[in-house]
Amino acid sequence: GRTGDKLPARDGATAFHTADYNPRNVRIWVRRRLQSIAMPVTMEQFGKGVVAAGLATVDELRAAWTALPADKRPKDPQQFAQILREQGKLTEYQAQVLLERKVAALAFGNYVLSSQLGVGASGHVFKAKHKLSGREVAIKVLAASVAQNEKAVKRFHREVQATAKLAHPNIVRAFDA
């Protein structure tokens, strides 16, 4: 496999995932993710983004806020993001995306992205967590230019099919494509 395809999961197993692959959906997602214009975010927008991304409930955010002494409560979303990172409620990547007002970029099907693991000519690889099962996976998203190339898409599908047939702790497992 290419660099970035084989990624260890937290439990020492390996994981590979491509959620609901459809070239059109990938192009739309990549366009939104990479071409959105970053604008300053307010505290309210940041909080709504955390909730909308499924990273915390309103009650969890309220509890994190009220647990802080009044004089230590953050005055801006960057400070609040730092506190939530320190509490393990957000990753650095999630905080960055939320502060850039790109909430939609954290969701990919039934998965919430937690970090970017790699970038290459063929696309991006992200660490993500399934919303219901909590299973950590790696999601490979083809670049828009690659997704439009029929040969590249077929090669990617063959890679997933070949990987799905293998079962070894040091080899990536494909869950779906």
C-alpha atoms as a PDB file:
ATOM      1  CA  GLY A   1       0.000   0.000   0.000  1.00  0.00           C
ATOM      2  CA  ARG A   2       0.944   3.628  -0.341  1.00  0.00           C
ATOM      3  CA  THR A   3       2.145   5.713   2.572  1.00  0.00           C
ATOM      4  CA  GLY A   4      -0.776   6.764   4.737  1.00  0.00           C
ATOM      5  CA  ASP A   5      -2.956   3.768   3.824  1.00  0.00           C
ATOM      6  CA  LYS A   6      -1.886   1.605   6.763  1.00  0.00           C
ATOM      7  CA  LEU A   7      -2.715   3.357   9.984  1.00  0.00           C
ATOM      8  CA  PRO A   8      -2.735   1.913  13.499  1.00  0.00           C
ATOM      9  CA  ALA A   9      -5.914   2.236  15.495  1.00  0.00           C
ATOM     10  CA  ARG A  10      -5.813   3.063  19.205  1.00  0.00           C
ATOM     11  CA  ASP A  11      -6.172  -0.593  20.274  1.00  0.00           C
ATOM     12  CA  GLY A  12      -3.151  -1.695  18.207  1.00  0.00           C
ATOM     13  CA  ALA A  13      -5.277  -3.117  15.397  1.00  0.00           C
ATOM     14  CA  THR A  14      -5.317  -1.444  12.044  1.00  0.00           C
ATOM     15  CA  ALA A  15      -8.216   0.202  10.306  1.00  0.00           C
ATOM     16  CA  PHE A  16      -9.105   1.519   6.896  1.00  0.00           C
ATOM     17  CA  HIS A  17     -12.365   3.111   5.978  1.00  0.00           C
ATOM     18  CA  THR A  18     -13.935   4.910   3.096  1.00  0.00           C
ATOM     19  CA  ALA A  19     -17.474   5.972   3.918  1.00  0.00           C
ATOM     20  CA  ASP A  20     -20.179   5.985   1.262  1.00  0.00           C
ATOM     21  CA  TYR A  21     -17.804   6.566  -1.636  1.00  0.00           C
ATOM     22  CA  ASN A  22     -19.414   8.467  -4.466  1.00  0.00           C
ATOM     23  CA  PRO A  23     -17.250  10.726  -6.657  1.00  0.00           C
ATOM     24  CA  ARG A  24     -19.869  13.498  -6.642  1.00  0.00           C
ATOM     25  CA  ASN A  25     -20.228  13.439  -2.839  1.00  0.00           C
ATOM     26  CA  VAL A  26     -16.460  13.443  -2.392  1.00  0.00           C
ATOM     27  CA  ARG A  27     -16.075  16.408  -4.749  1.00  0.00           C
ATOM     28  CA  ILE A  28     -18.746  18.344  -2.859  1.00  0.00           C
ATOM     29  CA  TRP A  29     -17.235  17.467   0.516  1.00  0.00           C
ATOM     30  CA  VAL A  30     -13.697  18.366  -0.569  1.00  0.00           C
ATOM     31  CA  ARG A  31     -14.871  21.648  -2.089  1.00  0.00           C
ATOM     32  CA  ARG A  32     -16.671  22.611   1.129  1.00  0.00           C
ATOM     33  CA  ARG A  33     -13.782  21.451   3.273  1.00  0.00           C
ATOM     34  CA  LEU A  34     -10.924  23.080   1.415  1.00  0.00           C
ATOM     35  CA  GLN A  35     -12.476  26.128  -0.201  1.00  0.00           C
ATOM     36  CA  SER A  36     -14.667  27.580   2.519  1.00  0.00           C
ATOM     37  CA  ILE A  37     -13.748  31.063   3.635  1.00  0.00           C
ATOM     38  CA  ALA A  38     -12.628  31.314   7.244  1.00  0.00           C
ATOM     39  CA  MET A  39     -14.329  34.125   9.163  1.00  0.00           C
ATOM     40  CA  PRO A  40     -13.997  35.108  12.826  1.00  0.00           C
ATOM     41  CA  VAL A  41     -16.204  33.000  15.060  1.00  0.00           C
ATOM     42  CA  THR A  42     -18.176  34.228  18.062  1.00  0.00           C
ATOM     43  CA  MET A  43     -18.539  32.311  21.337  1.00  0.00           C
ATOM     44  CA  GLU A  44     -22.131  31.483  20.424  1.00  0.00           C
ATOM     45  CA  GLN A  45     -21.165  30.202  16.964  1.00  0.00           C
ATOM     46  CA  PHE A  46     -18.333  28.148  18.446  1.00  0.00           C
ATOM     47  CA  GLY A  47     -20.652  26.538  21.012  1.00  0.00           C
ATOM     48  CA  LYS A  48     -23.280  25.817  18.374  1.00  0.00           C
ATOM     49  CA  GLY A  49     -20.573  24.301  16.178  1.00  0.00           C
ATOM     50  CA  VAL A  50     -19.395  21.976  18.939  1.00  0.00           C
ATOM     51  CA  VAL A  51     -22.974  20.769  19.437  1.00  0.00           C
ATOM     52  CA  ALA A  52     -23.749  20.553  15.699  1.00  0.00           C
ATOM     53  CA  ALA A  53     -20.630  18.447  15.113  1.00  0.00           C
ATOM     54  CA  GLY A  54     -21.781  16.034  17.825  1.00  0.00           C
ATOM     55  CA  LEU A  55     -18.716  16.649  19.979  1.00  0.00           C
ATOM     56  CA  ALA A  56     -20.685  17.659  23.082  1.00  0.00           C
ATOM     57  CA  THR A  57     -24.243  18.347  24.114  1.00  0.00           C
ATOM     58  CA  VAL A  58     -25.494  21.747  25.234  1.00  0.00           C
ATOM     59  CA  ASP A  59     -25.580  20.422  28.811  1.00  0.00           C
ATOM     60  CA  GLU A  60     -21.973  19.184  28.587  1.00  0.00           C
ATOM     61  CA  LEU A  61     -20.813  22.576  27.310  1.00  0.00           C
ATOM     62  CA  ARG A  62     -22.791  24.366  30.004  1.00  0.00           C
ATOM     63  CA  ALA A  63     -21.244  22.079  32.662  1.00  0.00           C
ATOM     64  CA  ALA A  64     -17.721  22.726  31.332  1.00  0.00           C
ATOM     65  CA  TRP A  65     -18.427  26.466  31.417  1.00  0.00           C
ATOM     66  CA  THR A  66     -19.979  26.614  34.883  1.00  0.00           C
ATOM     67  CA  ALA A  67     -17.281  24.363  36.378  1.00  0.00           C
ATOM     68  CA  LEU A  68     -14.791  27.156  35.744  1.00  0.00           C
ATOM     69  CA  PRO A  69     -14.419  29.917  38.333  1.00  0.00           C
ATOM     70  CA  ALA A  70     -16.101  33.098  37.067  1.00  0.00           C
ATOM     71  CA  ASP A  71     -12.763  34.912  36.727  1.00  0.00           C
ATOM     72  CA  LYS A  72     -11.281  31.993  34.709  1.00  0.00           C
ATOM     73  CA  ARG A  73     -14.101  31.725  32.168  1.00  0.00           C
ATOM     74  CA  PRO A  74     -12.869  32.317  28.628  1.00  0.00           C
ATOM     75  CA  LYS A  75     -13.596  35.613  26.950  1.00  0.00           C
ATOM     76  CA  ASP A  76     -13.200  34.349  23.395  1.00  0.00           C
ATOM     77  CA  PRO A  77     -13.726  31.089  21.486  1.00  0.00           C
ATOM     78  CA  GLN A  78      -9.980  30.431  21.153  1.00  0.00           C
ATOM     79  CA  GLN A  79      -9.631  30.321  24.938  1.00  0.00           C
ATOM     80  CA  PHE A  80     -12.714  28.117  25.283  1.00  0.00           C
ATOM     81  CA  ALA A  81     -11.360  25.767  22.593  1.00  0.00           C
ATOM     82  CA  GLN A  82      -8.092  25.511  24.532  1.00  0.00           C
ATOM     83  CA  ILE A  83      -9.966  24.603  27.722  1.00  0.00           C
ATOM     84  CA  LEU A  84     -12.032  21.968  25.898  1.00  0.00           C
ATOM     85  CA  ARG A  85      -8.831  20.523  24.375  1.00  0.00           C
ATOM     86  CA  GLU A  86      -7.248  20.342  27.833  1.00  0.00           C
ATOM     87  CA  GLN A  87     -10.363  18.542  29.105  1.00  0.00           C
ATOM     88  CA  GLY A  88     -10.171  16.043  26.227  1.00  0.00           C
ATOM     89  CA  LYS A  89     -13.479  17.143  24.729  1.00  0.00           C
ATOM     90  CA  LEU A  90     -11.910  18.406  21.475  1.00  0.00           C
ATOM     91  CA  THR A  91      -8.818  17.543  19.492  1.00  0.00           C
ATOM     92  CA  GLU A  92      -6.490  20.209  18.137  1.00  0.00           C
ATOM     93  CA  TYR A  93      -7.821  19.530  14.636  1.00  0.00           C
ATOM     94  CA  GLN A  94     -11.473  19.795  15.712  1.00  0.00           C
ATOM     95  CA  ALA A  95     -10.820  23.062  17.542  1.00  0.00           C
ATOM     96  CA  GLN A  96      -9.067  24.502  14.494  1.00  0.00           C
ATOM     97  CA  VAL A  97     -11.898  23.509  12.158  1.00  0.00           C
ATOM     98  CA  LEU A  98     -14.552  24.896  14.516  1.00  0.00           C
ATOM     99  CA  LEU A  99     -12.670  28.163  14.949  1.00  0.00           C
ATOM    100  CA  GLU A 100     -12.581  28.464  11.153  1.00  0.00           C
ATOM    101  CA  ARG A 101     -16.386  28.008  11.074  1.00  0.00           C
ATOM    102  CA  LYS A 102     -16.106  24.841   8.980  1.00  0.00           C
ATOM    103  CA  VAL A 103     -18.346  22.652  11.134  1.00  0.00           C
ATOM    104  CA  ALA A 104     -19.514  20.576   8.140  1.00  0.00           C
ATOM    105  CA  ALA A 105     -15.901  19.537   7.558  1.00  0.00           C
ATOM    106  CA  LEU A 106     -15.946  17.486  10.773  1.00  0.00           C
ATOM    107  CA  ALA A 107     -18.703  15.135   9.628  1.00  0.00           C
ATOM    108  CA  PHE A 108     -18.273  12.401   7.067  1.00  0.00           C
ATOM    109  CA  GLY A 109     -21.307  10.125   6.940  1.00  0.00           C
ATOM    110  CA  ASN A 110     -21.663   8.455  10.330  1.00  0.00           C
ATOM    111  CA  TYR A 111     -18.182   9.539  11.353  1.00  0.00           C
ATOM    112  CA  VAL A 112     -16.752  12.577  13.141  1.00  0.00           C
ATOM    113  CA  LEU A 113     -13.240  13.502  12.054  1.00  0.00           C
ATOM    114  CA  SER A 114     -10.747  13.967  14.864  1.00  0.00           C
ATOM    115  CA  SER A 115      -7.469  14.641  13.061  1.00  0.00           C
ATOM    116  CA  GLN A 116      -5.821  14.756   9.681  1.00  0.00           C
ATOM    117  CA  LEU A 117      -3.272  11.962   9.435  1.00  0.00           C
ATOM    118  CA  GLY A 118      -1.868  12.652   6.011  1.00  0.00           C
ATOM    119  CA  VAL A 119      -2.168  14.415   2.702  1.00  0.00           C
ATOM    120  CA  GLY A 120      -0.911  13.209  -0.630  1.00  0.00           C
ATOM    121  CA  ALA A 121      -1.484  13.583  -4.338  1.00  0.00           C
ATOM    122  CA  SER A 122      -4.382  11.131  -4.219  1.00  0.00           C
ATOM    123  CA  GLY A 123      -6.203  12.759  -1.290  1.00  0.00           C
ATOM    124  CA  HIS A 124      -6.443  13.092   2.474  1.00  0.00           C
ATOM    125  CA  VAL A 125      -6.439  10.549   5.302  1.00  0.00           C
ATOM    126  CA  PHE A 126      -8.286  11.380   8.514  1.00  0.00           C
ATOM    127  CA  LYS A 127      -8.645   9.723  11.890  1.00  0.00           C
ATOM    128  CA  ALA A 128     -12.346   9.504  12.748  1.00  0.00           C
ATOM    129  CA  LYS A 129     -14.765   7.964  15.203  1.00  0.00           C
ATOM    130  CA  HIS A 130     -18.075   6.295  14.376  1.00  0.00           C
ATOM    131  CA  LYS A 131     -20.922   8.281  15.966  1.00  0.00           C
ATOM    132  CA  LEU A 132     -22.739   5.249  17.389  1.00  0.00           C
ATOM    133  CA  SER A 133     -20.157   2.510  17.955  1.00  0.00           C
ATOM    134  CA  GLY A 134     -17.253   4.782  18.884  1.00  0.00           C
ATOM    135  CA  ARG A 135     -14.959   2.680  16.654  1.00  0.00           C
ATOM    136  CA  GLU A 136     -11.888   4.617  15.556  1.00  0.00           C
ATOM    137  CA  VAL A 137     -11.010   4.345  11.898  1.00  0.00           C
ATOM    138  CA  ALA A 138      -8.964   5.985   9.202  1.00  0.00           C
ATOM    139  CA  ILE A 139     -10.920   7.512   6.337  1.00  0.00           C
ATOM    140  CA  LYS A 140      -9.248   8.024   3.007  1.00  0.00           C
ATOM    141  CA  VAL A 141     -10.876  10.733   0.894  1.00  0.00           C
ATOM    142  CA  LEU A 142      -9.806  10.935  -2.710  1.00  0.00           C
ATOM    143  CA  ALA A 143      -8.873  14.346  -4.059  1.00  0.00           C
ATOM    144  CA  ALA A 144     -11.445  15.797  -6.436  1.00  0.00           C
ATOM    145  CA  SER A 145      -9.049  15.469  -9.377  1.00  0.00           C
ATOM    146  CA  VAL A 146      -8.443  11.794  -8.565  1.00  0.00           C
ATOM    147  CA  ALA A 147     -12.151  11.101  -8.002  1.00  0.00           C
ATOM    148  CA  GLN A 148     -12.834  12.307 -11.552  1.00  0.00           C
ATOM    149  CA  ASN A 149     -10.281   9.870 -13.017  1.00  0.00           C
ATOM    150  CA  GLU A 150     -12.082   6.599 -13.750  1.00  0.00           C
ATOM    151  CA  LYS A 151      -8.847   4.558 -13.747  1.00  0.00           C
ATOM    152  CA  ALA A 152      -7.829   5.962 -10.367  1.00  0.00           C
ATOM    153  CA  VAL A 153     -11.253   5.197  -8.887  1.00  0.00           C
ATOM    154  CA  LYS A 154     -11.134   1.618 -10.189  1.00  0.00           C
ATOM    155  CA  ARG A 155      -7.625   1.221  -8.760  1.00  0.00           C
ATOM    156  CA  PHE A 156      -8.875   2.526  -5.406  1.00  0.00           C
ATOM    157  CA  HIS A 157     -11.779   0.036  -5.439  1.00  0.00           C
ATOM    158  CA  ARG A 158      -9.376  -2.838  -6.248  1.00  0.00           C
ATOM    159  CA  GLU A 159      -7.175  -1.725  -3.358  1.00  0.00           C
ATOM    160  CA  VAL A 160     -10.144  -1.794  -0.974  1.00  0.00           C
ATOM    161  CA  GLN A 161     -11.289  -5.209  -2.265  1.00  0.00           C
ATOM    162  CA  ALA A 162      -7.814  -6.700  -1.891  1.00  0.00           C
ATOM    163  CA  THR A 163      -7.401  -5.229   1.577  1.00  0.00           C
ATOM    164  CA  ALA A 164     -10.800  -6.524   2.699  1.00  0.00           C
ATOM    165  CA  LYS A 165      -9.659 -10.100   2.021  1.00  0.00           C
ATOM    166  CA  LEU A 166      -6.687  -9.836   4.351  1.00  0.00           C
ATOM    167  CA  ALA A 167      -6.711 -10.422   8.100  1.00  0.00           C
ATOM    168  CA  HIS A 168      -3.508  -9.710  10.008  1.00  0.00           C
ATOM    169  CA  PRO A 169      -2.709  -7.322  12.880  1.00  0.00           C
ATOM    170  CA  ASN A 170      -0.128  -5.490  10.744  1.00  0.00           C
ATOM    171  CA  ILE A 171      -2.328  -5.076   7.670  1.00  0.00           C
ATOM    172  CA  VAL A 172      -5.037  -2.492   7.220  1.00  0.00           C
ATOM    173  CA  ARG A 173      -8.616  -3.800   7.380  1.00  0.00           C
ATOM    174  CA  ALA A 174     -11.174  -2.360   5.001  1.00  0.00           C
ATOM    175  CA  PHE A 175     -14.631  -1.953   6.524  1.00  0.00           C
ATOM    176  CA  ASP A 176     -16.440  -0.496   3.538  1.00  0.00           C
ATOM    177  CA  ALA A 177     -15.955   1.632   0.458  1.00  0.00           C
END
